[in-house]
C-alpha atoms as a PDB file:
ATOM      1  CA  UNK A   1      81.977 -43.312 -21.844  1.00  0.00           C
ATOM      2  CA  UNK A   2      84.599 -46.023 -23.846  1.00  0.00           C
ATOM      3  CA  UNK A   3      85.749 -47.707 -20.594  1.00  0.00           C
ATOM      4  CA  UNK A   4      82.120 -48.173 -19.504  1.00  0.00           C
ATOM      5  CA  UNK A   5      81.401 -50.407 -22.577  1.00  0.00           C
ATOM      6  CA  UNK A   6      84.623 -52.331 -21.800  1.00  0.00           C
ATOM      7  CA  UNK A   7      83.392 -52.455 -18.167  1.00  0.00           C
ATOM      8  CA  UNK A   8      79.801 -53.521 -19.418  1.00  0.00           C
ATOM      9  CA  UNK A   9      81.673 -57.196 -20.132  1.00  0.00           C
ATOM     10  CA  UNK A  10      83.581 -57.556 -17.610  1.00  0.00           C
ATOM     11  CA  UNK A  11      81.409 -57.670 -14.764  1.00  0.00           C
ATOM     12  CA  UNK A  12      78.623 -59.105 -16.682  1.00  0.00           C
ATOM     13  CA  UNK A  13      77.229 -62.079 -15.166  1.00  0.00           C
ATOM     14  CA  UNK A  14      76.352 -65.194 -17.061  1.00  0.00           C
ATOM     15  CA  UNK A  15      72.283 -64.645 -15.777  1.00  0.00           C
ATOM     16  CA  UNK A  16      72.624 -60.969 -16.828  1.00  0.00           C
ATOM     17  CA  UNK A  17      74.272 -62.182 -20.517  1.00  0.00           C
ATOM     18  CA  UNK A  18      71.645 -64.974 -20.899  1.00  0.00           C
ATOM     19  CA  UNK A  19      68.842 -62.705 -19.982  1.00  0.00           C
ATOM     20  CA  UNK A  20      69.905 -60.442 -22.308  1.00  0.00           C
ATOM     21  CA  UNK A  21      70.894 -62.535 -25.285  1.00  0.00           C
ATOM     22  CA  UNK A  22      67.224 -64.183 -24.947  1.00  0.00           C
ATOM     23  CA  UNK A  23      65.597 -61.089 -24.605  1.00  0.00           C
ATOM     24  CA  UNK A  24      67.202 -60.237 -27.671  1.00  0.00           C
ATOM     25  CA  UNK A  25      66.154 -63.329 -29.628  1.00  0.00           C
ATOM     26  CA  UNK A  26      62.554 -63.519 -28.815  1.00  0.00           C
ATOM     27  CA  UNK A  27      61.875 -60.112 -29.617  1.00  0.00           C
ATOM     28  CA  UNK A  28      63.487 -60.698 -33.141  1.00  0.00           C
ATOM     29  CA  UNK A  29      61.579 -64.055 -33.107  1.00  0.00           C
ATOM     30  CA  UNK A  30      58.378 -61.916 -32.954  1.00  0.00           C
ATOM     31  CA  UNK A  31      59.794 -59.776 -36.033  1.00  0.00           C
ATOM     32  CA  UNK A  32      59.998 -63.019 -38.307  1.00  0.00           C
ATOM     33  CA  UNK A  33      57.356 -64.735 -36.780  1.00  0.00           C
ATOM     34  CA  UNK A  34      54.645 -62.579 -35.024  1.00  0.00           C
ATOM     35  CA  UNK A  35      53.140 -64.423 -32.375  1.00  0.00           C
ATOM     36  CA  UNK A  36      50.418 -62.143 -30.765  1.00  0.00           C
ATOM     37  CA  UNK A  37      53.293 -59.902 -29.176  1.00  0.00           C
ATOM     38  CA  UNK A  38      54.083 -63.174 -26.561  1.00  0.00           C
ATOM     39  CA  UNK A  39      57.561 -63.330 -27.785  1.00  0.00           C
ATOM     40  CA  UNK A  40      58.080 -59.590 -27.889  1.00  0.00           C
ATOM     41  CA  UNK A  41      56.459 -58.903 -24.051  1.00  0.00           C
ATOM     42  CA  UNK A  42      58.563 -62.094 -23.184  1.00  0.00           C
ATOM     43  CA  UNK A  43      61.551 -60.936 -24.879  1.00  0.00           C
ATOM     44  CA  UNK A  44      61.700 -57.232 -23.220  1.00  0.00           C
ATOM     45  CA  UNK A  45      61.195 -59.221 -20.056  1.00  0.00           C
ATOM     46  CA  UNK A  46      64.397 -60.611 -20.151  1.00  0.00           C
ATOM     47  CA  UNK A  47      65.728 -57.624 -21.460  1.00  0.00           C
ATOM     48  CA  UNK A  48      64.689 -55.356 -18.814  1.00  0.00           C
ATOM     49  CA  UNK A  49      65.708 -58.560 -15.868  1.00  0.00           C
ATOM     50  CA  UNK A  50      69.249 -58.571 -17.420  1.00  0.00           C
ATOM     51  CA  UNK A  51      69.825 -54.860 -17.604  1.00  0.00           C
ATOM     52  CA  UNK A  52      68.322 -55.147 -14.369  1.00  0.00           C
ATOM     53  CA  UNK A  53      70.672 -57.950 -12.953  1.00  0.00           C
ATOM     54  CA  UNK A  54      74.074 -55.986 -14.734  1.00  0.00           C
ATOM     55  CA  UNK A  55      73.338 -52.554 -13.142  1.00  0.00           C
ATOM     56  CA  UNK A  56      73.332 -54.700  -9.584  1.00  0.00           C
ATOM     57  CA  UNK A  57      76.246 -56.131 -10.011  1.00  0.00           C
ATOM     58  CA  UNK A  58      78.164 -52.617 -10.414  1.00  0.00           C
ATOM     59  CA  UNK A  59      76.630 -50.329 -12.919  1.00  0.00           C
ATOM     60  CA  UNK A  60      77.244 -46.834 -13.612  1.00  0.00           C
ATOM     61  CA  UNK A  61      75.351 -44.640 -15.498  1.00  0.00           C
ATOM     62  CA  UNK A  62      77.438 -45.601 -18.717  1.00  0.00           C
ATOM     63  CA  UNK A  63      77.316 -48.866 -18.467  1.00  0.00           C
ATOM     64  CA  UNK A  64      73.117 -48.598 -18.599  1.00  0.00           C
ATOM     65  CA  UNK A  65      73.741 -45.822 -21.865  1.00  0.00           C
ATOM     66  CA  UNK A  66      75.750 -48.993 -23.207  1.00  0.00           C
ATOM     67  CA  UNK A  67      73.362 -52.078 -22.667  1.00  0.00           C
ATOM     68  CA  UNK A  68      70.560 -48.894 -24.332  1.00  0.00           C
ATOM     69  CA  UNK A  69      72.957 -48.263 -27.051  1.00  0.00           C
ATOM     70  CA  UNK A  70      73.736 -51.714 -27.700  1.00  0.00           C
ATOM     71  CA  UNK A  71      70.116 -53.558 -27.386  1.00  0.00           C
ATOM     72  CA  UNK A  72      68.665 -50.675 -29.320  1.00  0.00           C
ATOM     73  CA  UNK A  73      71.292 -50.990 -32.291  1.00  0.00           C
ATOM     74  CA  UNK A  74      70.496 -54.632 -32.734  1.00  0.00           C
ATOM     75  CA  UNK A  75      67.134 -54.234 -32.917  1.00  0.00           C
ATOM     76  CA  UNK A  76      67.670 -51.911 -35.388  1.00  0.00           C
ATOM     77  CA  UNK A  77      69.752 -53.934 -37.457  1.00  0.00           C
ATOM     78  CA  UNK A  78      67.371 -56.874 -37.376  1.00  0.00           C
ATOM     79  CA  UNK A  79      63.935 -55.206 -37.597  1.00  0.00           C
ATOM     80  CA  UNK A  80      65.700 -53.465 -40.754  1.00  0.00           C
ATOM     81  CA  UNK A  81      66.902 -57.407 -41.957  1.00  0.00           C
ATOM     82  CA  UNK A  82      63.320 -57.964 -41.868  1.00  0.00           C
ATOM     83  CA  UNK A  83      62.111 -55.224 -43.719  1.00  0.00           C
ATOM     84  CA  UNK A  84      64.506 -55.997 -46.310  1.00  0.00           C
ATOM     85  CA  UNK A  85      64.028 -59.479 -46.472  1.00  0.00           C
ATOM     86  CA  UNK A  86      60.810 -60.861 -45.339  1.00  0.00           C
ATOM     87  CA  UNK A  87      58.387 -57.745 -45.809  1.00  0.00           C
ATOM     88  CA  UNK A  88      59.952 -55.797 -48.854  1.00  0.00           C
ATOM     89  CA  UNK A  89      57.209 -56.802 -51.379  1.00  0.00           C
ATOM     90  CA  UNK A  90      54.395 -56.603 -49.206  1.00  0.00           C
ATOM     91  CA  UNK A  91      55.585 -53.149 -48.337  1.00  0.00           C
ATOM     92  CA  UNK A  92      56.137 -52.089 -51.833  1.00  0.00           C
ATOM     93  CA  UNK A  93      52.519 -53.630 -53.525  1.00  0.00           C
ATOM     94  CA  UNK A  94      50.668 -52.443 -50.213  1.00  0.00           C
ATOM     95  CA  UNK A  95      52.158 -48.651 -50.337  1.00  0.00           C
ATOM     96  CA  UNK A  96      51.433 -48.954 -54.407  1.00  0.00           C
ATOM     97  CA  UNK A  97      48.300 -49.981 -53.805  1.00  0.00           C
ATOM     98  CA  UNK A  98      47.182 -47.267 -51.258  1.00  0.00           C
ATOM     99  CA  UNK A  99      48.656 -44.619 -52.994  1.00  0.00           C
ATOM    100  CA  UNK A 100      47.328 -45.639 -56.473  1.00  0.00           C
ATOM    101  CA  UNK A 101      44.113 -44.670 -56.623  1.00  0.00           C
ATOM    102  CA  UNK A 102      42.637 -48.526 -58.386  1.00  0.00           C
ATOM    103  CA  UNK A 103      39.714 -50.240 -58.481  1.00  0.00           C
ATOM    104  CA  UNK A 104      40.547 -52.817 -56.457  1.00  0.00           C
ATOM    105  CA  UNK A 105      40.846 -50.118 -53.567  1.00  0.00           C
ATOM    106  CA  UNK A 106      37.563 -48.643 -54.277  1.00  0.00           C
ATOM    107  CA  UNK A 107      35.482 -51.731 -53.711  1.00  0.00           C
ATOM    108  CA  UNK A 108      35.635 -51.174 -49.741  1.00  0.00           C
ATOM    109  CA  UNK A 109      37.319 -50.465 -46.412  1.00  0.00           C
ATOM    110  CA  UNK A 110      40.901 -52.123 -45.768  1.00  0.00           C
ATOM    111  CA  UNK A 111      41.325 -55.119 -47.476  1.00  0.00           C
ATOM    112  CA  UNK A 112      37.844 -56.797 -47.199  1.00  0.00           C
ATOM    113  CA  UNK A 113      37.965 -56.927 -51.358  1.00  0.00           C
ATOM    114  CA  UNK A 114      40.078 -60.066 -50.594  1.00  0.00           C
ATOM    115  CA  UNK A 115      37.354 -62.551 -49.441  1.00  0.00           C
ATOM    116  CA  UNK A 116      36.879 -65.388 -51.050  1.00  0.00           C
ATOM    117  CA  UNK A 117      39.695 -64.527 -53.460  1.00  0.00           C
ATOM    118  CA  UNK A 118      42.012 -67.252 -54.415  1.00  0.00           C
ATOM    119  CA  UNK A 119      46.103 -67.037 -54.115  1.00  0.00           C
ATOM    120  CA  UNK A 120      49.648 -68.993 -53.947  1.00  0.00           C
ATOM    121  CA  UNK A 121      51.661 -69.218 -50.450  1.00  0.00           C
ATOM    122  CA  UNK A 122      54.541 -67.958 -51.443  1.00  0.00           C
ATOM    123  CA  UNK A 123      56.026 -69.096 -48.236  1.00  0.00           C
ATOM    124  CA  UNK A 124      55.040 -71.876 -45.979  1.00  0.00           C
ATOM    125  CA  UNK A 125      52.415 -70.328 -43.527  1.00  0.00           C
ATOM    126  CA  UNK A 126      53.002 -71.811 -39.657  1.00  0.00           C
ATOM    127  CA  UNK A 127      50.043 -69.233 -38.276  1.00  0.00           C
ATOM    128  CA  UNK A 128      51.743 -66.791 -40.559  1.00  0.00           C
ATOM    129  CA  UNK A 129      53.233 -66.635 -43.524  1.00  0.00           C
ATOM    130  CA  UNK A 130      52.613 -65.030 -46.631  1.00  0.00           C
ATOM    131  CA  UNK A 131      50.072 -65.484 -50.225  1.00  0.00           C
ATOM    132  CA  UNK A 132      50.682 -63.915 -53.316  1.00  0.00           C
ATOM    133  CA  UNK A 133      46.771 -62.844 -54.844  1.00  0.00           C
ATOM    134  CA  UNK A 134      46.202 -61.137 -57.875  1.00  0.00           C
ATOM    135  CA  UNK A 135      50.667 -60.371 -58.364  1.00  0.00           C
ATOM    136  CA  UNK A 136      50.610 -58.817 -55.020  1.00  0.00           C
ATOM    137  CA  UNK A 137      52.021 -60.137 -51.429  1.00  0.00           C
ATOM    138  CA  UNK A 138      49.786 -60.522 -48.118  1.00  0.00           C
ATOM    139  CA  UNK A 139      51.051 -60.777 -44.497  1.00  0.00           C
ATOM    140  CA  UNK A 140      48.195 -63.548 -43.592  1.00  0.00           C
ATOM    141  CA  UNK A 141      47.368 -65.684 -41.060  1.00  0.00           C
ATOM    142  CA  UNK A 142      46.021 -69.330 -40.966  1.00  0.00           C
ATOM    143  CA  UNK A 143      44.746 -72.038 -38.385  1.00  0.00           C
ATOM    144  CA  UNK A 144      46.665 -74.455 -40.281  1.00  0.00           C
ATOM    145  CA  UNK A 145      49.692 -74.570 -41.241  1.00  0.00           C
ATOM    146  CA  UNK A 146      50.269 -74.370 -44.977  1.00  0.00           C
ATOM    147  CA  UNK A 147      53.294 -75.453 -47.079  1.00  0.00           C
ATOM    148  CA  UNK A 148      54.656 -73.163 -49.929  1.00  0.00           C
ATOM    149  CA  UNK A 149      53.160 -72.657 -53.248  1.00  0.00           C
ATOM    150  CA  UNK A 150      49.732 -74.524 -51.950  1.00  0.00           C
ATOM    151  CA  UNK A 151      46.428 -72.898 -53.280  1.00  0.00           C
ATOM    152  CA  UNK A 152      44.603 -70.945 -51.215  1.00  0.00           C
ATOM    153  CA  UNK A 153      41.598 -68.767 -50.410  1.00  0.00           C
ATOM    154  CA  UNK A 154      40.776 -66.216 -48.162  1.00  0.00           C
ATOM    155  CA  UNK A 155      38.350 -66.843 -46.185  1.00  0.00           C
ATOM    156  CA  UNK A 156      37.984 -63.410 -43.655  1.00  0.00           C
ATOM    157  CA  UNK A 157      39.556 -60.326 -43.004  1.00  0.00           C
ATOM    158  CA  UNK A 158      39.355 -58.092 -39.694  1.00  0.00           C
ATOM    159  CA  UNK A 159      41.462 -55.133 -38.672  1.00  0.00           C
ATOM    160  CA  UNK A 160      44.682 -56.721 -38.903  1.00  0.00           C
ATOM    161  CA  UNK A 161      44.860 -60.155 -40.582  1.00  0.00           C
ATOM    162  CA  UNK A 162      44.106 -62.083 -43.963  1.00  0.00           C
ATOM    163  CA  UNK A 163      42.482 -65.666 -43.269  1.00  0.00           C
ATOM    164  CA  UNK A 164      42.965 -68.080 -45.466  1.00  0.00           C
ATOM    165  CA  UNK A 165      42.593 -71.336 -45.986  1.00  0.00           C
ATOM    166  CA  UNK A 166      44.350 -74.259 -48.037  1.00  0.00           C
ATOM    167  CA  UNK A 167      42.498 -75.817 -50.941  1.00  0.00           C
ATOM    168  CA  UNK A 168      45.215 -77.345 -52.703  1.00  0.00           C
ATOM    169  CA  UNK A 169      48.485 -79.079 -52.034  1.00  0.00           C
ATOM    170  CA  UNK A 170      51.668 -78.665 -54.041  1.00  0.00           C
ATOM    171  CA  UNK A 171      51.462 -81.566 -56.382  1.00  0.00           C
ATOM    172  CA  UNK A 172      47.297 -81.876 -55.754  1.00  0.00           C
ATOM    173  CA  UNK A 173      45.176 -81.736 -59.147  1.00  0.00           C
ATOM    174  CA  UNK A 174      41.540 -81.572 -57.468  1.00  0.00           C
ATOM    175  CA  UNK A 175      40.330 -79.585 -55.063  1.00  0.00           C
ATOM    176  CA  UNK A 176      39.403 -81.266 -51.830  1.00  0.00           C
END
């Protein structure tokens, strides 16, 4: 089994390596900046293509194991990094609100209570990003780019998304 790991890279063609690498990058991009699953689907197809190319060269069960294991470990590490950096506050606050029977959650199902509330963009919002509303960090979507620090208002909420619009940019004194 140990020799299979070394054989994995010895017999790997440039095309197999590029497919696997690009596929992993696209899936990891989906973790950090959602593209409505487009990057994840393309990345998965490339990972499978890279695996097939490598296995056609002179594959064995050991090589298939090491490819699968390596991809799984890389994606697990990337997902863990994403959870501990970008989404950590969002997960902590959302879980706290869900477990706490606060009056905020009694207003309605899901995040519908956020509609028309204002907050501050805590990241640049380029299709998606994070907004702080009443000291709670939310993952949001916007049709237009919004700069970090801008005042935003929640336009709409559906099952999976909170949609916001920019009210004030960083440094502006009045609402448009």
